[in-house]
Amino acid sequence: MLKICIIDGQGGGIGAAIIKRLKETYEETIDIIALGTNAIATSQMLKAKANRGASGENAIVQTVRQADIIIGPIGIVMAHAMMGEVTPKMAEAVAACPAKKYLIPLSQENMEIVGAASVPLPHLINELIEKNLKELKIQQ
């Protein structure tokens, strides 16, 4: 079964929205692992029906090694992003792991992604699933 890690921080709303849409599309044919930079984020993603979840630096560093796919806001590969919740070890582990990464281009406090259009989160999630994950070998 395909292991997809969803990483989020702060309140976990972005991760929860992604998980909800993945579950609507793929039901129980994928294993969704919620990885929160804090317990609140993980809790919100578990409420969105992630199969399992864990919180904190060590959980993220260890779990991404086993992932087939990682999805989250672009800040998950930037040390000190999300108001400092992403530690350098977290960012390095995500960036260095061999899993395919799908990063949502949401602006950070002092960062702008040149060329990225300002698109509402639900549209970005739809594009992620319909254009990027559609070709995956997921048994439906």
N, C-alpha and C. Protein backbone atom coordinates (compact mmCIF):
# COMPACT_ATOMS: atom_id res chain seq x y z
N MET A 1 0.85 -1.18 0.00
CA MET A 1 0.00 0.00 0.00
C MET A 1 0.89 1.24 0.00
N LEU A 2 0.51 2.23 -0.78
CA LEU A 2 1.26 3.47 -0.91
C LEU A 2 1.21 4.26 0.40
N LYS A 3 2.38 4.66 0.91
CA LYS A 3 2.47 5.45 2.14
C LYS A 3 2.64 6.92 1.79
N ILE A 4 1.66 7.72 2.19
CA ILE A 4 1.70 9.15 1.94
C ILE A 4 1.78 9.89 3.26
N CYS A 5 2.86 10.65 3.45
CA CYS A 5 3.01 11.46 4.66
C CYS A 5 2.53 12.87 4.36
N ILE A 6 1.61 13.34 5.18
CA ILE A 6 1.15 14.72 5.10
C ILE A 6 1.78 15.45 6.28
N ILE A 7 2.53 16.51 5.99
CA ILE A 7 3.21 17.25 7.05
C ILE A 7 2.61 18.64 7.14
N ASP A 8 2.28 19.05 8.36
CA ASP A 8 1.74 20.38 8.58
C ASP A 8 2.10 20.84 9.99
N GLY A 9 1.91 22.11 10.23
CA GLY A 9 2.21 22.69 11.54
C GLY A 9 1.10 23.60 11.97
N GLN A 10 1.40 24.45 12.92
CA GLN A 10 0.47 25.40 13.49
C GLN A 10 -0.86 24.71 13.83
N GLY A 11 -1.96 25.05 13.17
CA GLY A 11 -3.25 24.45 13.50
C GLY A 11 -3.60 23.21 12.71
N GLY A 12 -2.80 22.84 11.72
CA GLY A 12 -3.03 21.62 10.95
C GLY A 12 -4.13 21.72 9.91
N GLY A 13 -4.62 22.91 9.64
CA GLY A 13 -5.73 23.07 8.70
C GLY A 13 -5.40 22.70 7.27
N ILE A 14 -4.21 23.02 6.81
CA ILE A 14 -3.81 22.68 5.45
C ILE A 14 -3.72 21.17 5.30
N GLY A 15 -3.03 20.53 6.23
CA GLY A 15 -2.91 19.07 6.20
C GLY A 15 -4.26 18.38 6.28
N ALA A 16 -5.14 18.89 7.14
CA ALA A 16 -6.47 18.30 7.28
C ALA A 16 -7.26 18.41 5.98
N ALA A 17 -7.17 19.53 5.30
CA ALA A 17 -7.87 19.71 4.03
C ALA A 17 -7.34 18.74 2.97
N ILE A 18 -6.04 18.56 2.93
CA ILE A 18 -5.43 17.62 1.98
C ILE A 18 -5.88 16.20 2.27
N ILE A 19 -5.84 15.81 3.54
CA ILE A 19 -6.22 14.46 3.93
C ILE A 19 -7.69 14.19 3.60
N LYS A 20 -8.54 15.13 3.91
CA LYS A 20 -9.98 14.96 3.62
C LYS A 20 -10.19 14.68 2.14
N ARG A 21 -9.54 15.46 1.29
CA ARG A 21 -9.71 15.29 -0.16
C ARG A 21 -9.09 13.98 -0.65
N LEU A 22 -7.95 13.59 -0.10
CA LEU A 22 -7.35 12.31 -0.47
C LEU A 22 -8.25 11.15 -0.08
N LYS A 23 -8.85 11.22 1.10
CA LYS A 23 -9.75 10.15 1.55
C LYS A 23 -11.00 10.08 0.68
N GLU A 24 -11.53 11.23 0.26
CA GLU A 24 -12.70 11.24 -0.63
C GLU A 24 -12.36 10.58 -1.96
N THR A 25 -11.15 10.79 -2.43
CA THR A 25 -10.74 10.28 -3.74
C THR A 25 -10.30 8.82 -3.69
N TYR A 26 -9.46 8.47 -2.72
CA TYR A 26 -8.83 7.15 -2.70
C TYR A 26 -9.34 6.22 -1.61
N GLU A 27 -10.20 6.72 -0.75
CA GLU A 27 -10.77 5.94 0.37
C GLU A 27 -9.66 5.24 1.15
N GLU A 28 -9.73 3.94 1.29
CA GLU A 28 -8.75 3.21 2.11
C GLU A 28 -7.69 2.50 1.27
N THR A 29 -7.45 2.96 0.04
CA THR A 29 -6.46 2.32 -0.82
C THR A 29 -5.05 2.88 -0.61
N ILE A 30 -4.93 3.90 0.23
CA ILE A 30 -3.63 4.48 0.55
C ILE A 30 -3.49 4.58 2.06
N ASP A 31 -2.25 4.59 2.52
CA ASP A 31 -1.95 4.73 3.94
C ASP A 31 -1.51 6.17 4.18
N ILE A 32 -2.36 6.95 4.85
CA ILE A 32 -2.05 8.36 5.10
C ILE A 32 -1.51 8.51 6.52
N ILE A 33 -0.29 9.06 6.60
CA ILE A 33 0.36 9.28 7.88
C ILE A 33 0.43 10.78 8.13
N ALA A 34 -0.22 11.24 9.18
CA ALA A 34 -0.22 12.66 9.54
C ALA A 34 1.00 12.94 10.42
N LEU A 35 1.82 13.87 9.97
CA LEU A 35 3.00 14.27 10.75
C LEU A 35 2.88 15.75 11.06
N GLY A 36 2.67 16.04 12.32
CA GLY A 36 2.53 17.43 12.74
C GLY A 36 3.79 17.94 13.40
N THR A 37 4.07 19.21 13.16
CA THR A 37 5.19 19.82 13.88
C THR A 37 4.82 20.01 15.34
N ASN A 38 3.52 19.90 15.65
CA ASN A 38 3.02 20.00 17.03
C ASN A 38 1.81 19.09 17.17
N ALA A 39 1.38 18.85 18.40
CA ALA A 39 0.28 17.92 18.67
C ALA A 39 -1.06 18.42 18.14
N ILE A 40 -1.28 19.72 18.14
CA ILE A 40 -2.54 20.26 17.63
C ILE A 40 -2.68 19.98 16.15
N ALA A 41 -1.62 20.20 15.39
CA ALA A 41 -1.66 19.92 13.95
C ALA A 41 -1.93 18.44 13.69
N THR A 42 -1.26 17.58 14.42
CA THR A 42 -1.47 16.14 14.26
C THR A 42 -2.90 15.77 14.60
N SER A 43 -3.43 16.31 15.67
CA SER A 43 -4.81 16.03 16.09
C SER A 43 -5.81 16.40 15.00
N GLN A 44 -5.63 17.58 14.41
CA GLN A 44 -6.55 18.02 13.35
C GLN A 44 -6.48 17.09 12.14
N MET A 45 -5.28 16.64 11.80
CA MET A 45 -5.14 15.75 10.65
C MET A 45 -5.72 14.37 10.95
N LEU A 46 -5.60 13.92 12.19
CA LEU A 46 -6.23 12.64 12.56
C LEU A 46 -7.75 12.74 12.51
N LYS A 47 -8.29 13.88 12.90
CA LYS A 47 -9.74 14.10 12.80
C LYS A 47 -10.21 14.07 11.35
N ALA A 48 -9.32 14.42 10.42
CA ALA A 48 -9.65 14.39 8.99
C ALA A 48 -9.53 12.98 8.41
N LYS A 49 -9.24 12.01 9.28
CA LYS A 49 -9.22 10.59 8.94
C LYS A 49 -7.89 10.05 8.42
N ALA A 50 -6.78 10.66 8.85
CA ALA A 50 -5.48 10.05 8.56
C ALA A 50 -5.46 8.68 9.23
N ASN A 51 -4.74 7.73 8.65
CA ASN A 51 -4.69 6.38 9.23
C ASN A 51 -3.94 6.34 10.55
N ARG A 52 -2.92 7.18 10.67
CA ARG A 52 -2.16 7.27 11.92
C ARG A 52 -1.41 8.58 11.91
N GLY A 53 -0.85 8.93 13.05
CA GLY A 53 -0.16 10.21 13.13
C GLY A 53 0.85 10.27 14.25
N ALA A 54 1.75 11.23 14.13
CA ALA A 54 2.76 11.46 15.15
C ALA A 54 3.17 12.92 15.10
N SER A 55 3.76 13.39 16.20
CA SER A 55 4.11 14.81 16.31
C SER A 55 5.58 14.99 16.65
N GLY A 56 6.14 16.09 16.17
CA GLY A 56 7.46 16.50 16.60
C GLY A 56 8.59 16.14 15.66
N GLU A 57 9.74 16.69 16.01
CA GLU A 57 10.92 16.55 15.15
C GLU A 57 11.31 15.10 14.90
N ASN A 58 11.47 14.32 15.94
CA ASN A 58 11.95 12.95 15.75
C ASN A 58 10.95 12.11 14.96
N ALA A 59 9.67 12.30 15.20
CA ALA A 59 8.65 11.56 14.45
C ALA A 59 8.75 11.87 12.96
N ILE A 60 8.93 13.14 12.63
CA ILE A 60 9.03 13.52 11.22
C ILE A 60 10.32 12.97 10.61
N VAL A 61 11.44 13.17 11.29
CA VAL A 61 12.74 12.72 10.76
C VAL A 61 12.74 11.21 10.50
N GLN A 62 12.18 10.44 11.41
CA GLN A 62 12.19 8.98 11.27
C GLN A 62 11.16 8.49 10.25
N THR A 63 9.98 9.07 10.24
CA THR A 63 8.89 8.55 9.42
C THR A 63 9.04 8.87 7.94
N VAL A 64 9.58 10.03 7.59
CA VAL A 64 9.70 10.38 6.17
C VAL A 64 10.62 9.41 5.42
N ARG A 65 11.49 8.74 6.12
CA ARG A 65 12.38 7.76 5.49
C ARG A 65 11.61 6.61 4.84
N GLN A 66 10.41 6.33 5.38
CA GLN A 66 9.61 5.20 4.91
C GLN A 66 8.51 5.62 3.94
N ALA A 67 8.41 6.90 3.66
CA ALA A 67 7.31 7.40 2.82
C ALA A 67 7.57 7.17 1.34
N ASP A 68 6.48 6.97 0.61
CA ASP A 68 6.54 6.93 -0.85
C ASP A 68 6.33 8.34 -1.40
N ILE A 69 5.46 9.10 -0.72
CA ILE A 69 5.11 10.45 -1.14
C ILE A 69 5.03 11.33 0.10
N ILE A 70 5.47 12.58 -0.03
CA ILE A 70 5.33 13.57 1.04
C ILE A 70 4.57 14.76 0.46
N ILE A 71 3.57 15.22 1.20
CA ILE A 71 2.77 16.37 0.77
C ILE A 71 2.71 17.36 1.93
N GLY A 72 2.87 18.64 1.62
CA GLY A 72 2.74 19.67 2.64
C GLY A 72 3.02 21.04 2.05
N PRO A 73 2.86 22.06 2.85
CA PRO A 73 3.20 23.41 2.39
C PRO A 73 4.71 23.50 2.14
N ILE A 74 5.11 24.41 1.29
CA ILE A 74 6.51 24.53 0.90
C ILE A 74 7.43 24.75 2.10
N GLY A 75 6.91 25.28 3.17
CA GLY A 75 7.71 25.53 4.37
C GLY A 75 8.31 24.29 5.00
N ILE A 76 7.82 23.11 4.66
CA ILE A 76 8.36 21.89 5.28
C ILE A 76 9.79 21.59 4.84
N VAL A 77 10.27 22.28 3.81
CA VAL A 77 11.67 22.09 3.40
C VAL A 77 12.52 23.32 3.72
N MET A 78 11.97 24.23 4.55
CA MET A 78 12.69 25.45 4.92
C MET A 78 12.86 25.51 6.44
N ALA A 79 14.10 25.49 6.88
CA ALA A 79 14.36 25.59 8.31
C ALA A 79 13.75 26.87 8.87
N HIS A 80 13.11 26.76 10.00
CA HIS A 80 12.53 27.86 10.76
C HIS A 80 11.23 28.42 10.15
N ALA A 81 10.68 27.74 9.16
CA ALA A 81 9.42 28.18 8.56
C ALA A 81 8.27 27.89 9.53
N MET A 82 7.08 28.31 9.17
CA MET A 82 5.87 28.13 9.98
C MET A 82 6.08 28.69 11.38
N MET A 83 6.54 29.94 11.43
CA MET A 83 6.78 30.63 12.69
C MET A 83 7.79 29.90 13.58
N GLY A 84 8.75 29.24 12.94
CA GLY A 84 9.80 28.55 13.67
C GLY A 84 9.52 27.10 14.00
N GLU A 85 8.37 26.59 13.62
CA GLU A 85 8.03 25.21 13.97
C GLU A 85 8.82 24.17 13.19
N VAL A 86 9.28 24.50 11.99
CA VAL A 86 10.07 23.57 11.20
C VAL A 86 11.54 23.72 11.60
N THR A 87 12.05 22.71 12.24
CA THR A 87 13.44 22.75 12.68
C THR A 87 14.36 22.43 11.50
N PRO A 88 15.63 22.80 11.60
CA PRO A 88 16.57 22.44 10.53
C PRO A 88 16.62 20.93 10.27
N LYS A 89 16.54 20.12 11.31
CA LYS A 89 16.56 18.65 11.13
C LYS A 89 15.32 18.18 10.36
N MET A 90 14.16 18.76 10.66
CA MET A 90 12.94 18.39 9.92
C MET A 90 13.08 18.73 8.45
N ALA A 91 13.50 19.97 8.17
CA ALA A 91 13.62 20.42 6.78
C ALA A 91 14.62 19.57 6.02
N GLU A 92 15.74 19.25 6.65
CA GLU A 92 16.75 18.43 6.00
C GLU A 92 16.24 17.02 5.74
N ALA A 93 15.56 16.43 6.71
CA ALA A 93 15.04 15.07 6.54
C ALA A 93 14.04 15.00 5.39
N VAL A 94 13.16 15.98 5.31
CA VAL A 94 12.16 15.98 4.23
C VAL A 94 12.86 16.17 2.89
N ALA A 95 13.74 17.15 2.80
CA ALA A 95 14.40 17.43 1.53
C ALA A 95 15.29 16.28 1.07
N ALA A 96 15.93 15.59 2.00
CA ALA A 96 16.89 14.54 1.65
C ALA A 96 16.27 13.17 1.43
N CYS A 97 15.09 12.93 1.90
CA CYS A 97 14.51 11.59 1.75
C CYS A 97 14.17 11.32 0.28
N PRO A 98 14.18 10.06 -0.11
CA PRO A 98 13.95 9.73 -1.52
C PRO A 98 12.50 9.82 -1.99
N ALA A 99 11.57 10.05 -1.10
CA ALA A 99 10.15 10.11 -1.48
C ALA A 99 9.89 11.26 -2.45
N LYS A 100 8.91 11.07 -3.32
CA LYS A 100 8.44 12.15 -4.19
C LYS A 100 7.76 13.18 -3.30
N LYS A 101 8.06 14.46 -3.53
CA LYS A 101 7.50 15.53 -2.71
C LYS A 101 6.59 16.42 -3.54
N TYR A 102 5.40 16.67 -2.99
CA TYR A 102 4.46 17.61 -3.60
C TYR A 102 4.28 18.75 -2.60
N LEU A 103 4.82 19.92 -2.95
CA LEU A 103 4.82 21.07 -2.05
C LEU A 103 3.78 22.09 -2.49
N ILE A 104 2.95 22.50 -1.57
CA ILE A 104 1.91 23.50 -1.83
C ILE A 104 2.55 24.88 -1.70
N PRO A 105 2.49 25.71 -2.76
CA PRO A 105 3.19 27.00 -2.74
C PRO A 105 2.44 28.10 -1.98
N LEU A 106 2.34 27.92 -0.68
CA LEU A 106 1.72 28.94 0.16
C LEU A 106 2.82 29.85 0.69
N SER A 107 2.57 31.14 0.67
CA SER A 107 3.61 32.10 1.03
C SER A 107 3.99 32.00 2.50
N GLN A 108 5.25 32.22 2.76
CA GLN A 108 5.78 32.26 4.11
C GLN A 108 5.88 33.72 4.54
N GLU A 109 6.24 33.93 5.78
CA GLU A 109 6.29 35.27 6.34
C GLU A 109 7.13 36.22 5.50
N ASN A 110 8.33 35.81 5.12
CA ASN A 110 9.24 36.70 4.40
C ASN A 110 9.74 36.07 3.10
N MET A 111 8.89 35.26 2.48
CA MET A 111 9.30 34.53 1.29
C MET A 111 8.21 34.66 0.23
N GLU A 112 8.63 34.87 -1.00
CA GLU A 112 7.68 34.89 -2.10
C GLU A 112 8.20 33.97 -3.19
N ILE A 113 7.33 33.14 -3.72
CA ILE A 113 7.70 32.23 -4.79
C ILE A 113 7.36 32.93 -6.10
N VAL A 114 8.37 33.39 -6.79
CA VAL A 114 8.18 34.15 -8.02
C VAL A 114 7.58 33.22 -9.08
N GLY A 115 6.53 33.71 -9.71
CA GLY A 115 5.88 32.94 -10.77
C GLY A 115 4.72 32.09 -10.29
N ALA A 116 4.60 31.88 -8.99
CA ALA A 116 3.49 31.10 -8.46
C ALA A 116 2.26 32.00 -8.35
N ALA A 117 1.17 31.55 -8.94
CA ALA A 117 -0.06 32.32 -8.90
C ALA A 117 -0.70 32.22 -7.52
N SER A 118 -1.42 33.25 -7.16
CA SER A 118 -2.15 33.25 -5.89
C SER A 118 -3.46 32.50 -6.11
N VAL A 119 -3.50 31.25 -5.70
CA VAL A 119 -4.63 30.36 -5.94
C VAL A 119 -5.15 29.89 -4.58
N PRO A 120 -6.47 29.84 -4.39
CA PRO A 120 -7.02 29.36 -3.12
C PRO A 120 -6.62 27.91 -2.85
N LEU A 121 -6.44 27.58 -1.58
CA LEU A 121 -6.01 26.24 -1.17
C LEU A 121 -6.86 25.13 -1.76
N PRO A 122 -8.20 25.20 -1.76
CA PRO A 122 -8.98 24.09 -2.35
C PRO A 122 -8.63 23.83 -3.81
N HIS A 123 -8.33 24.88 -4.57
CA HIS A 123 -7.95 24.70 -5.97
C HIS A 123 -6.58 24.04 -6.08
N LEU A 124 -5.66 24.40 -5.19
CA LEU A 124 -4.34 23.78 -5.19
C LEU A 124 -4.44 22.28 -4.86
N ILE A 125 -5.30 21.94 -3.92
CA ILE A 125 -5.48 20.53 -3.55
C ILE A 125 -6.10 19.75 -4.71
N ASN A 126 -7.07 20.34 -5.37
CA ASN A 126 -7.66 19.68 -6.54
C ASN A 126 -6.61 19.45 -7.62
N GLU A 127 -5.77 20.45 -7.87
CA GLU A 127 -4.72 20.30 -8.88
C GLU A 127 -3.73 19.21 -8.48
N LEU A 128 -3.38 19.16 -7.20
CA LEU A 128 -2.48 18.13 -6.69
C LEU A 128 -3.03 16.75 -7.03
N ILE A 129 -4.29 16.52 -6.74
CA ILE A 129 -4.89 15.20 -6.94
C ILE A 129 -5.15 14.91 -8.41
N GLU A 130 -5.75 15.86 -9.12
CA GLU A 130 -6.16 15.60 -10.50
C GLU A 130 -5.01 15.60 -11.49
N LYS A 131 -3.98 16.40 -11.26
CA LYS A 131 -2.88 16.48 -12.21
C LYS A 131 -1.65 15.70 -11.77
N ASN A 132 -1.36 15.68 -10.49
CA ASN A 132 -0.12 15.07 -10.04
C ASN A 132 -0.28 13.64 -9.52
N LEU A 133 -1.35 13.37 -8.80
CA LEU A 133 -1.50 12.04 -8.21
C LEU A 133 -2.31 11.10 -9.08
N LYS A 134 -2.96 11.62 -10.09
CA LYS A 134 -3.82 10.81 -10.97
C LYS A 134 -3.04 9.66 -11.61
N GLU A 135 -1.79 9.90 -11.95
CA GLU A 135 -0.99 8.90 -12.66
C GLU A 135 -0.37 7.86 -11.73
N LEU A 136 -0.53 8.00 -10.45
CA LEU A 136 0.04 7.05 -9.51
C LEU A 136 -0.63 5.69 -9.63
N LYS A 137 0.11 4.70 -9.25
CA LYS A 137 -0.41 3.33 -9.27
C LYS A 137 -1.16 3.06 -7.97
N ILE A 138 -2.33 3.67 -7.84
CA ILE A 138 -3.14 3.48 -6.64
C ILE A 138 -4.33 2.61 -7.01
N GLN A 139 -4.46 1.52 -6.29
CA GLN A 139 -5.58 0.60 -6.54
C GLN A 139 -6.84 1.19 -5.97
N GLN A 140 -7.82 1.45 -6.84
CA GLN A 140 -9.09 2.00 -6.36
C GLN A 140 -10.17 0.97 -6.36
